[in-house]
Structure formats: C-alpha cells, structure tokens
Amino acid sequence: MEAYHTQLIETLIGLAAFFVIRYSSRLIIRKAVERSSFKAKEEKEILRLLNLLIVLVLAVILTAIWGVKQSEVLIFATSVITVLGIAFFAEVSILSNITACLVLFFQHPVKIGDTIKVLDNGHTIEGELIDITYFFVFIRTVDRGIITMPNTVLLRSPFHIMEKREVLQQ
C-alpha cells in the first residue's frame, strides 16, 4: 500500500483540481450568460463541451500519475487522433464551427435577439438572430422565414447589428 501512497495523494489532488476548475468554469460561463442574452440551451452546450475537455485533461494527468507506459499511451492517442482525423477530413468545418460557436458565445458582440444584416458572397441576409448552436446560427427573416447559416460564415462575414430605431424605420 505504501508503494501507491504518492500516486493516491496525486490522484486526490488531481480530482480536487478537476472539481475546482469545473465549478469555476460554470461560474464564469453563467456570468457570461447573464451579461448577454444567451439562453440556457447555449449555456448547457458550452458546459458540455468544456466538461469534455476537462475530463480529457484529467485522464491524461491520471495516466501520467499511475505510470502507464508512454508507448501504450502514445499508441492509443495516435489511434484516436487517426480515427478523428479521418472522420473530420470529410468535413473540416466541424471543428471550425465548434470553435466559431465558442468565439460567438464568449467574445462576439452579436447576441440572440439582435437584428443583423450579414453580407455573404454578395448576398445580404437580414433578420433577427434567434439561436446559436454548435454548428449553425438561425436567423428569422423579415418575411418570417428561418435561414440557417454555419457559425464560421457569421464569424468571417461582415455584418451590421441594427439598432432598434433602424429596424423601426424600415
């Protein structure tokens, strides 16, 4: 039992850090949601993605603590990366849309409920931003139709957030 004393203490420290980071990240995301007009749905999706990342980091730390051979970890990691690479090769935009979702959630001035005018490939799309998911944003147009646009398009395209009085004047 004494042979594993150090590993047990390090494991407990790792688990404690995991719960502290998880709790802190929940508070940070909740504050971001309160500052903006995001819905609880977006908060849950971001928390789910962040929890996955934290669990993966914890798994790597625990394998290092318990002395799993580096060659075994390397074989497993390269196998997983290869499978994911092949899966994402067909559609590279999966990762870029998830990243764009995070950028839109935390750092972008547009929020749900805003009326925006997006210029994409010479076409103007105007309407109310009604939802942001991992992969798409949904815009309700003036004629009450809904346009689905990949997150990366909104992030890379110039757009104008219209003020309430601009919308009323049109």
N, C-alpha and C. Protein backbone atom coordinates (compact mmCIF):
# COMPACT_ATOMS: atom_id res chain seq x y z
N MET A 1 0.82 -1.20 0.00
CA MET A 1 0.00 0.00 0.00
C MET A 1 0.86 1.25 0.00
N GLU A 2 2.00 1.20 0.70
CA GLU A 2 2.85 2.38 0.76
C GLU A 2 3.47 2.71 -0.59
N ALA A 3 3.57 1.71 -1.45
CA ALA A 3 4.12 1.94 -2.78
C ALA A 3 3.22 2.87 -3.59
N TYR A 4 1.93 2.84 -3.28
CA TYR A 4 0.98 3.66 -4.03
C TYR A 4 0.56 4.92 -3.29
N HIS A 5 1.18 5.21 -2.17
CA HIS A 5 0.82 6.36 -1.36
C HIS A 5 0.94 7.68 -2.14
N THR A 6 2.04 7.86 -2.83
CA THR A 6 2.27 9.10 -3.59
C THR A 6 1.24 9.23 -4.72
N GLN A 7 0.99 8.12 -5.43
CA GLN A 7 0.02 8.17 -6.53
C GLN A 7 -1.38 8.49 -6.02
N LEU A 8 -1.76 7.94 -4.87
CA LEU A 8 -3.08 8.23 -4.31
C LEU A 8 -3.22 9.71 -3.96
N ILE A 9 -2.19 10.28 -3.34
CA ILE A 9 -2.24 11.70 -2.99
C ILE A 9 -2.31 12.55 -4.26
N GLU A 10 -1.49 12.23 -5.26
CA GLU A 10 -1.52 12.98 -6.51
C GLU A 10 -2.87 12.85 -7.21
N THR A 11 -3.46 11.66 -7.13
CA THR A 11 -4.79 11.45 -7.73
C THR A 11 -5.83 12.30 -7.02
N LEU A 12 -5.79 12.33 -5.71
CA LEU A 12 -6.73 13.17 -4.96
C LEU A 12 -6.56 14.65 -5.29
N ILE A 13 -5.31 15.08 -5.41
CA ILE A 13 -5.05 16.48 -5.78
C ILE A 13 -5.60 16.75 -7.19
N GLY A 14 -5.37 15.81 -8.12
CA GLY A 14 -5.88 15.97 -9.49
C GLY A 14 -7.40 16.03 -9.53
N LEU A 15 -8.05 15.17 -8.75
CA LEU A 15 -9.52 15.18 -8.70
C LEU A 15 -10.05 16.46 -8.06
N ALA A 16 -9.38 16.92 -7.00
CA ALA A 16 -9.79 18.18 -6.37
C ALA A 16 -9.65 19.34 -7.35
N ALA A 17 -8.54 19.37 -8.08
CA ALA A 17 -8.33 20.42 -9.08
C ALA A 17 -9.40 20.34 -10.17
N PHE A 18 -9.76 19.12 -10.56
CA PHE A 18 -10.80 18.92 -11.56
C PHE A 18 -12.11 19.55 -11.12
N PHE A 19 -12.53 19.28 -9.88
CA PHE A 19 -13.80 19.82 -9.40
C PHE A 19 -13.75 21.33 -9.21
N VAL A 20 -12.61 21.86 -8.78
CA VAL A 20 -12.48 23.31 -8.64
C VAL A 20 -12.55 23.99 -10.00
N ILE A 21 -11.84 23.45 -10.98
CA ILE A 21 -11.85 24.04 -12.33
C ILE A 21 -13.24 23.92 -12.94
N ARG A 22 -13.88 22.79 -12.74
CA ARG A 22 -15.23 22.60 -13.29
C ARG A 22 -16.22 23.59 -12.67
N TYR A 23 -16.16 23.76 -11.35
CA TYR A 23 -17.05 24.70 -10.67
C TYR A 23 -16.77 26.13 -11.11
N SER A 24 -15.48 26.49 -11.17
CA SER A 24 -15.11 27.85 -11.59
C SER A 24 -15.56 28.14 -13.01
N SER A 25 -15.38 27.17 -13.90
CA SER A 25 -15.79 27.39 -15.29
C SER A 25 -17.30 27.56 -15.39
N ARG A 26 -18.06 26.83 -14.58
CA ARG A 26 -19.52 27.00 -14.57
C ARG A 26 -19.89 28.42 -14.16
N LEU A 27 -19.20 28.94 -13.13
CA LEU A 27 -19.48 30.31 -12.69
C LEU A 27 -19.15 31.33 -13.78
N ILE A 28 -18.01 31.14 -14.44
CA ILE A 28 -17.60 32.07 -15.49
C ILE A 28 -18.59 32.05 -16.65
N ILE A 29 -19.02 30.87 -17.04
CA ILE A 29 -19.98 30.76 -18.15
C ILE A 29 -21.33 31.33 -17.74
N ARG A 30 -21.75 31.08 -16.51
CA ARG A 30 -23.03 31.61 -16.04
C ARG A 30 -23.00 33.15 -16.05
N LYS A 31 -21.87 33.75 -15.64
CA LYS A 31 -21.75 35.22 -15.67
C LYS A 31 -21.81 35.72 -17.12
N ALA A 32 -21.16 34.99 -18.04
CA ALA A 32 -21.20 35.39 -19.44
C ALA A 32 -22.63 35.34 -19.98
N VAL A 33 -23.39 34.34 -19.56
CA VAL A 33 -24.78 34.22 -20.00
C VAL A 33 -25.62 35.35 -19.42
N GLU A 34 -25.38 35.71 -18.17
CA GLU A 34 -26.14 36.80 -17.56
C GLU A 34 -25.84 38.14 -18.23
N ARG A 35 -24.59 38.35 -18.67
CA ARG A 35 -24.22 39.61 -19.34
C ARG A 35 -24.82 39.70 -20.73
N SER A 36 -25.06 38.57 -21.35
CA SER A 36 -25.59 38.58 -22.70
C SER A 36 -27.02 38.04 -22.68
N SER A 37 -27.56 37.85 -23.84
CA SER A 37 -28.93 37.34 -23.88
C SER A 37 -28.97 35.89 -24.37
N PHE A 38 -27.94 35.14 -24.08
CA PHE A 38 -27.94 33.73 -24.45
C PHE A 38 -28.94 32.97 -23.61
N LYS A 39 -29.44 31.91 -24.15
CA LYS A 39 -30.40 31.09 -23.44
C LYS A 39 -29.68 29.98 -22.69
N ALA A 40 -30.42 29.31 -21.83
CA ALA A 40 -29.86 28.20 -21.05
C ALA A 40 -29.38 27.08 -21.96
N LYS A 41 -29.97 26.95 -23.12
CA LYS A 41 -29.56 25.90 -24.06
C LYS A 41 -28.10 26.07 -24.48
N GLU A 42 -27.72 27.30 -24.82
CA GLU A 42 -26.34 27.55 -25.21
C GLU A 42 -25.40 27.34 -24.05
N GLU A 43 -25.85 27.73 -22.85
CA GLU A 43 -25.02 27.53 -21.66
C GLU A 43 -24.75 26.04 -21.45
N LYS A 44 -25.76 25.22 -21.60
CA LYS A 44 -25.58 23.77 -21.41
C LYS A 44 -24.64 23.19 -22.45
N GLU A 45 -24.75 23.65 -23.70
CA GLU A 45 -23.88 23.12 -24.75
C GLU A 45 -22.42 23.50 -24.51
N ILE A 46 -22.18 24.74 -24.11
CA ILE A 46 -20.82 25.19 -23.83
C ILE A 46 -20.27 24.42 -22.62
N LEU A 47 -21.08 24.24 -21.59
CA LEU A 47 -20.64 23.49 -20.41
C LEU A 47 -20.31 22.05 -20.77
N ARG A 48 -21.11 21.44 -21.61
CA ARG A 48 -20.86 20.06 -22.03
C ARG A 48 -19.52 19.96 -22.77
N LEU A 49 -19.26 20.90 -23.66
CA LEU A 49 -18.00 20.90 -24.41
C LEU A 49 -16.82 21.13 -23.47
N LEU A 50 -16.96 22.06 -22.55
CA LEU A 50 -15.88 22.36 -21.60
C LEU A 50 -15.63 21.18 -20.66
N ASN A 51 -16.71 20.53 -20.20
CA ASN A 51 -16.54 19.36 -19.34
C ASN A 51 -15.80 18.24 -20.06
N LEU A 52 -16.08 18.04 -21.34
CA LEU A 52 -15.37 17.03 -22.11
C LEU A 52 -13.88 17.34 -22.15
N LEU A 53 -13.54 18.58 -22.39
CA LEU A 53 -12.13 18.99 -22.44
C LEU A 53 -11.45 18.77 -21.08
N ILE A 54 -12.13 19.15 -20.00
CA ILE A 54 -11.55 18.99 -18.66
C ILE A 54 -11.37 17.51 -18.31
N VAL A 55 -12.33 16.67 -18.67
CA VAL A 55 -12.21 15.23 -18.40
C VAL A 55 -11.05 14.63 -19.19
N LEU A 56 -10.87 15.06 -20.44
CA LEU A 56 -9.75 14.56 -21.22
C LEU A 56 -8.41 14.94 -20.58
N VAL A 57 -8.31 16.17 -20.11
CA VAL A 57 -7.08 16.60 -19.44
C VAL A 57 -6.86 15.80 -18.17
N LEU A 58 -7.92 15.57 -17.40
CA LEU A 58 -7.81 14.76 -16.18
C LEU A 58 -7.36 13.34 -16.51
N ALA A 59 -7.90 12.76 -17.57
CA ALA A 59 -7.50 11.40 -17.96
C ALA A 59 -6.02 11.33 -18.30
N VAL A 60 -5.52 12.34 -19.00
CA VAL A 60 -4.09 12.37 -19.33
C VAL A 60 -3.25 12.49 -18.05
N ILE A 61 -3.69 13.35 -17.14
CA ILE A 61 -2.94 13.53 -15.88
C ILE A 61 -2.95 12.24 -15.06
N LEU A 62 -4.09 11.58 -14.96
CA LEU A 62 -4.17 10.34 -14.18
C LEU A 62 -3.32 9.22 -14.79
N THR A 63 -3.28 9.14 -16.11
CA THR A 63 -2.43 8.11 -16.73
C THR A 63 -0.96 8.39 -16.46
N ALA A 64 -0.60 9.68 -16.41
CA ALA A 64 0.79 10.03 -16.08
C ALA A 64 1.10 9.70 -14.62
N ILE A 65 0.16 9.98 -13.72
CA ILE A 65 0.37 9.72 -12.29
C ILE A 65 0.55 8.23 -12.03
N TRP A 66 -0.28 7.40 -12.64
CA TRP A 66 -0.25 5.97 -12.37
C TRP A 66 0.76 5.22 -13.22
N GLY A 67 1.56 5.94 -13.97
CA GLY A 67 2.70 5.33 -14.66
C GLY A 67 2.36 4.41 -15.80
N VAL A 68 1.29 4.71 -16.50
CA VAL A 68 1.01 3.93 -17.70
C VAL A 68 2.16 4.18 -18.66
N LYS A 69 2.63 3.14 -19.30
CA LYS A 69 3.78 3.28 -20.18
C LYS A 69 3.47 4.28 -21.29
N GLN A 70 4.47 5.12 -21.53
CA GLN A 70 4.28 6.17 -22.53
C GLN A 70 4.01 5.59 -23.91
N SER A 71 4.62 4.46 -24.21
CA SER A 71 4.40 3.87 -25.53
C SER A 71 2.96 3.41 -25.69
N GLU A 72 2.34 2.89 -24.62
CA GLU A 72 0.94 2.47 -24.68
C GLU A 72 0.01 3.67 -24.85
N VAL A 73 0.30 4.74 -24.11
CA VAL A 73 -0.50 5.95 -24.23
C VAL A 73 -0.34 6.55 -25.62
N LEU A 74 0.88 6.54 -26.12
CA LEU A 74 1.15 7.08 -27.45
C LEU A 74 0.42 6.29 -28.53
N ILE A 75 0.42 4.97 -28.43
CA ILE A 75 -0.29 4.14 -29.41
C ILE A 75 -1.79 4.44 -29.36
N PHE A 76 -2.34 4.53 -28.15
CA PHE A 76 -3.77 4.83 -28.01
C PHE A 76 -4.09 6.21 -28.57
N ALA A 77 -3.28 7.21 -28.20
CA ALA A 77 -3.54 8.59 -28.64
C ALA A 77 -3.44 8.71 -30.15
N THR A 78 -2.44 8.09 -30.76
CA THR A 78 -2.32 8.19 -32.22
C THR A 78 -3.47 7.47 -32.92
N SER A 79 -3.94 6.37 -32.32
CA SER A 79 -5.09 5.67 -32.91
C SER A 79 -6.33 6.55 -32.87
N VAL A 80 -6.57 7.17 -31.71
CA VAL A 80 -7.74 8.05 -31.58
C VAL A 80 -7.62 9.25 -32.52
N ILE A 81 -6.45 9.85 -32.58
CA ILE A 81 -6.24 11.02 -33.45
C ILE A 81 -6.42 10.63 -34.91
N THR A 82 -5.95 9.45 -35.29
CA THR A 82 -6.11 9.00 -36.67
C THR A 82 -7.58 8.82 -37.02
N VAL A 83 -8.33 8.17 -36.14
CA VAL A 83 -9.76 7.97 -36.40
C VAL A 83 -10.48 9.32 -36.48
N LEU A 84 -10.17 10.22 -35.53
CA LEU A 84 -10.80 11.54 -35.57
C LEU A 84 -10.39 12.32 -36.82
N GLY A 85 -9.13 12.20 -37.20
CA GLY A 85 -8.66 12.89 -38.40
C GLY A 85 -9.39 12.44 -39.64
N ILE A 86 -9.59 11.13 -39.76
CA ILE A 86 -10.32 10.59 -40.91
C ILE A 86 -11.78 11.05 -40.86
N ALA A 87 -12.37 11.02 -39.66
CA ALA A 87 -13.76 11.44 -39.53
C ALA A 87 -13.93 12.92 -39.88
N PHE A 88 -12.99 13.75 -39.42
CA PHE A 88 -13.11 15.19 -39.67
C PHE A 88 -12.59 15.61 -41.03
N PHE A 89 -11.85 14.71 -41.70
CA PHE A 89 -11.32 15.07 -43.02
C PHE A 89 -12.44 15.33 -44.01
N ALA A 90 -13.51 14.55 -43.88
CA ALA A 90 -14.64 14.72 -44.79
C ALA A 90 -15.26 16.11 -44.63
N GLU A 91 -15.24 16.62 -43.43
CA GLU A 91 -15.82 17.94 -43.18
C GLU A 91 -14.99 18.66 -42.14
N VAL A 92 -13.98 19.38 -42.58
CA VAL A 92 -13.10 20.11 -41.68
C VAL A 92 -13.86 21.18 -40.93
N SER A 93 -14.95 21.63 -41.51
CA SER A 93 -15.70 22.73 -40.91
C SER A 93 -16.36 22.34 -39.59
N ILE A 94 -16.40 21.06 -39.26
CA ILE A 94 -16.98 20.66 -37.98
C ILE A 94 -16.21 21.33 -36.84
N LEU A 95 -14.90 21.19 -36.86
CA LEU A 95 -14.09 21.80 -35.81
C LEU A 95 -14.14 23.32 -35.87
N SER A 96 -14.11 23.87 -37.07
CA SER A 96 -14.13 25.33 -37.17
C SER A 96 -15.47 25.90 -36.72
N ASN A 97 -16.57 25.19 -36.96
CA ASN A 97 -17.87 25.66 -36.49
C ASN A 97 -18.00 25.59 -34.98
N ILE A 98 -17.44 24.55 -34.37
CA ILE A 98 -17.46 24.46 -32.91
C ILE A 98 -16.62 25.58 -32.31
N THR A 99 -15.46 25.83 -32.90
CA THR A 99 -14.61 26.93 -32.43
C THR A 99 -15.32 28.27 -32.62
N ALA A 100 -15.97 28.44 -33.76
CA ALA A 100 -16.71 29.68 -34.02
C ALA A 100 -17.85 29.84 -33.01
N CYS A 101 -18.49 28.74 -32.62
CA CYS A 101 -19.55 28.80 -31.60
C CYS A 101 -18.99 29.35 -30.29
N LEU A 102 -17.82 28.88 -29.90
CA LEU A 102 -17.20 29.37 -28.66
C LEU A 102 -16.84 30.85 -28.76
N VAL A 103 -16.30 31.26 -29.90
CA VAL A 103 -15.96 32.67 -30.10
C VAL A 103 -17.22 33.53 -30.07
N LEU A 104 -18.27 33.09 -30.75
CA LEU A 104 -19.53 33.85 -30.74
C LEU A 104 -20.10 33.94 -29.34
N PHE A 105 -19.95 32.87 -28.57
CA PHE A 105 -20.51 32.84 -27.22
C PHE A 105 -19.78 33.78 -26.28
N PHE A 106 -18.44 33.76 -26.31
CA PHE A 106 -17.67 34.50 -25.32
C PHE A 106 -17.22 35.89 -25.77
N GLN A 107 -16.88 36.06 -27.02
CA GLN A 107 -16.18 37.28 -27.42
C GLN A 107 -16.88 38.13 -28.47
N HIS A 108 -17.96 37.68 -29.04
CA HIS A 108 -18.55 38.40 -30.16
C HIS A 108 -19.64 39.35 -29.67
N PRO A 109 -19.78 40.51 -30.30
CA PRO A 109 -20.78 41.49 -29.85
C PRO A 109 -22.22 41.12 -30.20
N VAL A 110 -22.42 40.20 -31.12
CA VAL A 110 -23.79 39.83 -31.51
C VAL A 110 -24.37 38.87 -30.47
N LYS A 111 -25.66 39.05 -30.20
CA LYS A 111 -26.31 38.16 -29.24
C LYS A 111 -27.72 37.83 -29.74
N ILE A 112 -28.28 36.79 -29.17
CA ILE A 112 -29.61 36.34 -29.57
C ILE A 112 -30.61 37.47 -29.32
N GLY A 113 -31.45 37.69 -30.32
CA GLY A 113 -32.44 38.76 -30.23
C GLY A 113 -32.04 39.98 -31.04
N ASP A 114 -30.75 40.10 -31.40
CA ASP A 114 -30.30 41.22 -32.22
C ASP A 114 -30.80 41.07 -33.65
N THR A 115 -31.11 42.19 -34.27
CA THR A 115 -31.42 42.20 -35.68
C THR A 115 -30.13 42.54 -36.41
N ILE A 116 -29.74 41.65 -37.32
CA ILE A 116 -28.45 41.82 -38.01
C ILE A 116 -28.65 41.79 -39.52
N LYS A 117 -27.68 42.39 -40.20
CA LYS A 117 -27.64 42.35 -41.66
C LYS A 117 -26.26 41.78 -42.02
N VAL A 118 -26.23 40.58 -42.61
CA VAL A 118 -24.99 39.87 -42.93
C VAL A 118 -24.76 39.94 -44.43
N LEU A 119 -23.53 40.27 -44.82
CA LEU A 119 -23.14 40.29 -46.23
C LEU A 119 -22.30 39.04 -46.48
N ASP A 120 -22.87 38.08 -47.24
CA ASP A 120 -22.18 36.83 -47.52
C ASP A 120 -22.16 36.58 -49.02
N ASN A 121 -20.98 36.59 -49.62
CA ASN A 121 -20.80 36.36 -51.06
C ASN A 121 -21.69 37.25 -51.92
N GLY A 122 -21.77 38.51 -51.54
CA GLY A 122 -22.56 39.47 -52.30
C GLY A 122 -24.06 39.44 -52.01
N HIS A 123 -24.53 38.54 -51.18
CA HIS A 123 -25.93 38.46 -50.80
C HIS A 123 -26.10 39.07 -49.41
N THR A 124 -27.17 39.81 -49.23
CA THR A 124 -27.45 40.39 -47.93
C THR A 124 -28.55 39.57 -47.25
N ILE A 125 -28.26 39.16 -46.04
CA ILE A 125 -29.24 38.42 -45.25
C ILE A 125 -29.57 39.29 -44.04
N GLU A 126 -30.83 39.59 -43.87
CA GLU A 126 -31.24 40.44 -42.77
C GLU A 126 -32.33 39.76 -41.96
N GLY A 127 -32.19 39.85 -40.63
CA GLY A 127 -33.20 39.28 -39.77
C GLY A 127 -32.75 39.24 -38.32
N GLU A 128 -33.59 38.62 -37.51
CA GLU A 128 -33.32 38.52 -36.08
C GLU A 128 -32.57 37.23 -35.79
N LEU A 129 -31.47 37.33 -35.06
CA LEU A 129 -30.72 36.15 -34.64
C LEU A 129 -31.52 35.46 -33.54
N ILE A 130 -31.98 34.23 -33.82
CA ILE A 130 -32.85 33.56 -32.85
C ILE A 130 -32.17 32.42 -32.11
N ASP A 131 -31.06 31.89 -32.65
CA ASP A 131 -30.39 30.79 -31.94
C ASP A 131 -28.97 30.62 -32.46
N ILE A 132 -28.09 30.16 -31.57
CA ILE A 132 -26.72 29.79 -31.93
C ILE A 132 -26.48 28.40 -31.36
N THR A 133 -26.15 27.44 -32.24
CA THR A 133 -25.85 26.09 -31.78
C THR A 133 -24.37 25.81 -32.05
N TYR A 134 -23.94 24.55 -31.83
CA TYR A 134 -22.53 24.21 -32.09
C TYR A 134 -22.13 24.49 -33.53
N PHE A 135 -23.04 24.26 -34.47
CA PHE A 135 -22.67 24.34 -35.88
C PHE A 135 -23.34 25.46 -36.66
N PHE A 136 -24.52 25.89 -36.23
CA PHE A 136 -25.28 26.84 -37.03
C PHE A 136 -25.83 27.99 -36.19
N VAL A 137 -26.07 29.12 -36.89
CA VAL A 137 -26.86 30.21 -36.33
C VAL A 137 -28.17 30.23 -37.12
N PHE A 138 -29.24 30.61 -36.45
CA PHE A 138 -30.56 30.66 -37.08
C PHE A 138 -31.03 32.10 -37.09
N ILE A 139 -31.40 32.58 -38.26
CA ILE A 139 -31.84 33.96 -38.44
C ILE A 139 -33.26 33.96 -38.99
N ARG A 140 -34.17 34.65 -38.27
CA ARG A 140 -35.55 34.79 -38.74
C ARG A 140 -35.62 36.04 -39.60
N THR A 141 -35.98 35.87 -40.87
CA THR A 141 -36.02 36.99 -41.81
C THR A 141 -37.28 37.82 -41.63
N VAL A 142 -37.34 38.91 -42.34
CA VAL A 142 -38.47 39.83 -42.26
C VAL A 142 -39.76 39.13 -42.66
N ASP A 143 -39.69 38.22 -43.66
CA ASP A 143 -40.89 37.51 -44.10
C ASP A 143 -41.17 36.27 -43.25
N ARG A 144 -40.55 36.20 -42.06
CA ARG A 144 -40.77 35.17 -41.05
C ARG A 144 -40.18 33.81 -41.43
N GLY A 145 -39.36 33.76 -42.47
CA GLY A 145 -38.66 32.53 -42.80
C GLY A 145 -37.42 32.41 -41.91
N ILE A 146 -36.88 31.20 -41.82
CA ILE A 146 -35.69 31.00 -40.99
C ILE A 146 -34.54 30.56 -41.89
N ILE A 147 -33.44 31.28 -41.78
CA ILE A 147 -32.22 30.95 -42.52
C ILE A 147 -31.23 30.32 -41.56
N THR A 148 -30.66 29.21 -41.98
CA THR A 148 -29.63 28.53 -41.20
C THR A 148 -28.29 28.84 -41.85
N MET A 149 -27.34 29.30 -41.03
CA MET A 149 -26.04 29.69 -41.54
C MET A 149 -24.96 29.06 -40.65
N PRO A 150 -23.92 28.47 -41.24
CA PRO A 150 -22.84 27.94 -40.41
C PRO A 150 -22.20 29.05 -39.56
N ASN A 151 -21.77 28.69 -38.37
CA ASN A 151 -21.17 29.68 -37.47
C ASN A 151 -19.97 30.38 -38.09
N THR A 152 -19.18 29.64 -38.86
CA THR A 152 -17.98 30.24 -39.46
C THR A 152 -18.34 31.33 -40.45
N VAL A 153 -19.49 31.20 -41.13
CA VAL A 153 -19.90 32.22 -42.08
C VAL A 153 -20.20 33.52 -41.35
N LEU A 154 -20.92 33.43 -40.24
CA LEU A 154 -21.22 34.64 -39.47
C LEU A 154 -19.94 35.25 -38.91
N LEU A 155 -19.01 34.41 -38.50
CA LEU A 155 -17.78 34.91 -37.90
C LEU A 155 -16.88 35.58 -38.92
N ARG A 156 -16.85 35.09 -40.14
CA ARG A 156 -15.94 35.65 -41.14
C ARG A 156 -16.58 36.70 -42.05
N SER A 157 -17.90 36.80 -42.03
CA SER A 157 -18.59 37.75 -42.91
C SER A 157 -18.81 39.08 -42.20
N PRO A 158 -18.71 40.17 -42.95
CA PRO A 158 -19.05 41.45 -42.34
C PRO A 158 -20.56 41.52 -42.10
N PHE A 159 -20.93 42.11 -40.97
CA PHE A 159 -22.35 42.25 -40.68
C PHE A 159 -22.56 43.51 -39.87
N HIS A 160 -23.81 43.91 -39.82
CA HIS A 160 -24.20 45.13 -39.13
C HIS A 160 -25.26 44.77 -38.11
N ILE A 161 -25.02 45.13 -36.84
CA ILE A 161 -26.03 44.93 -35.81
C ILE A 161 -26.89 46.18 -35.83
N MET A 162 -28.14 46.00 -36.17
CA MET A 162 -29.02 47.14 -36.34
C MET A 162 -29.61 47.54 -35.00
N GLU A 163 -29.66 48.83 -34.77
CA GLU A 163 -30.28 49.33 -33.55
C GLU A 163 -31.79 49.26 -33.70
N LYS A 164 -32.47 49.31 -32.59
CA LYS A 164 -33.93 49.18 -32.61
C LYS A 164 -34.59 50.24 -33.48
N ARG A 165 -34.08 51.48 -33.43
CA ARG A 165 -34.72 52.54 -34.22
C ARG A 165 -34.49 52.33 -35.72
N GLU A 166 -33.35 51.70 -36.10
CA GLU A 166 -33.12 51.39 -37.51
C GLU A 166 -34.13 50.38 -38.00
N VAL A 167 -34.45 49.40 -37.19
CA VAL A 167 -35.41 48.37 -37.56
C VAL A 167 -36.79 48.99 -37.70
N LEU A 168 -37.15 49.89 -36.78
CA LEU A 168 -38.46 50.52 -36.81
C LEU A 168 -38.64 51.43 -38.02
N GLN A 169 -37.55 52.07 -38.50
CA GLN A 169 -37.64 52.98 -39.61
C GLN A 169 -37.86 52.27 -40.93
N GLN A 170 -37.47 51.01 -41.00
CA GLN A 170 -37.58 50.29 -42.30
C GLN A 170 -38.96 49.80 -42.59
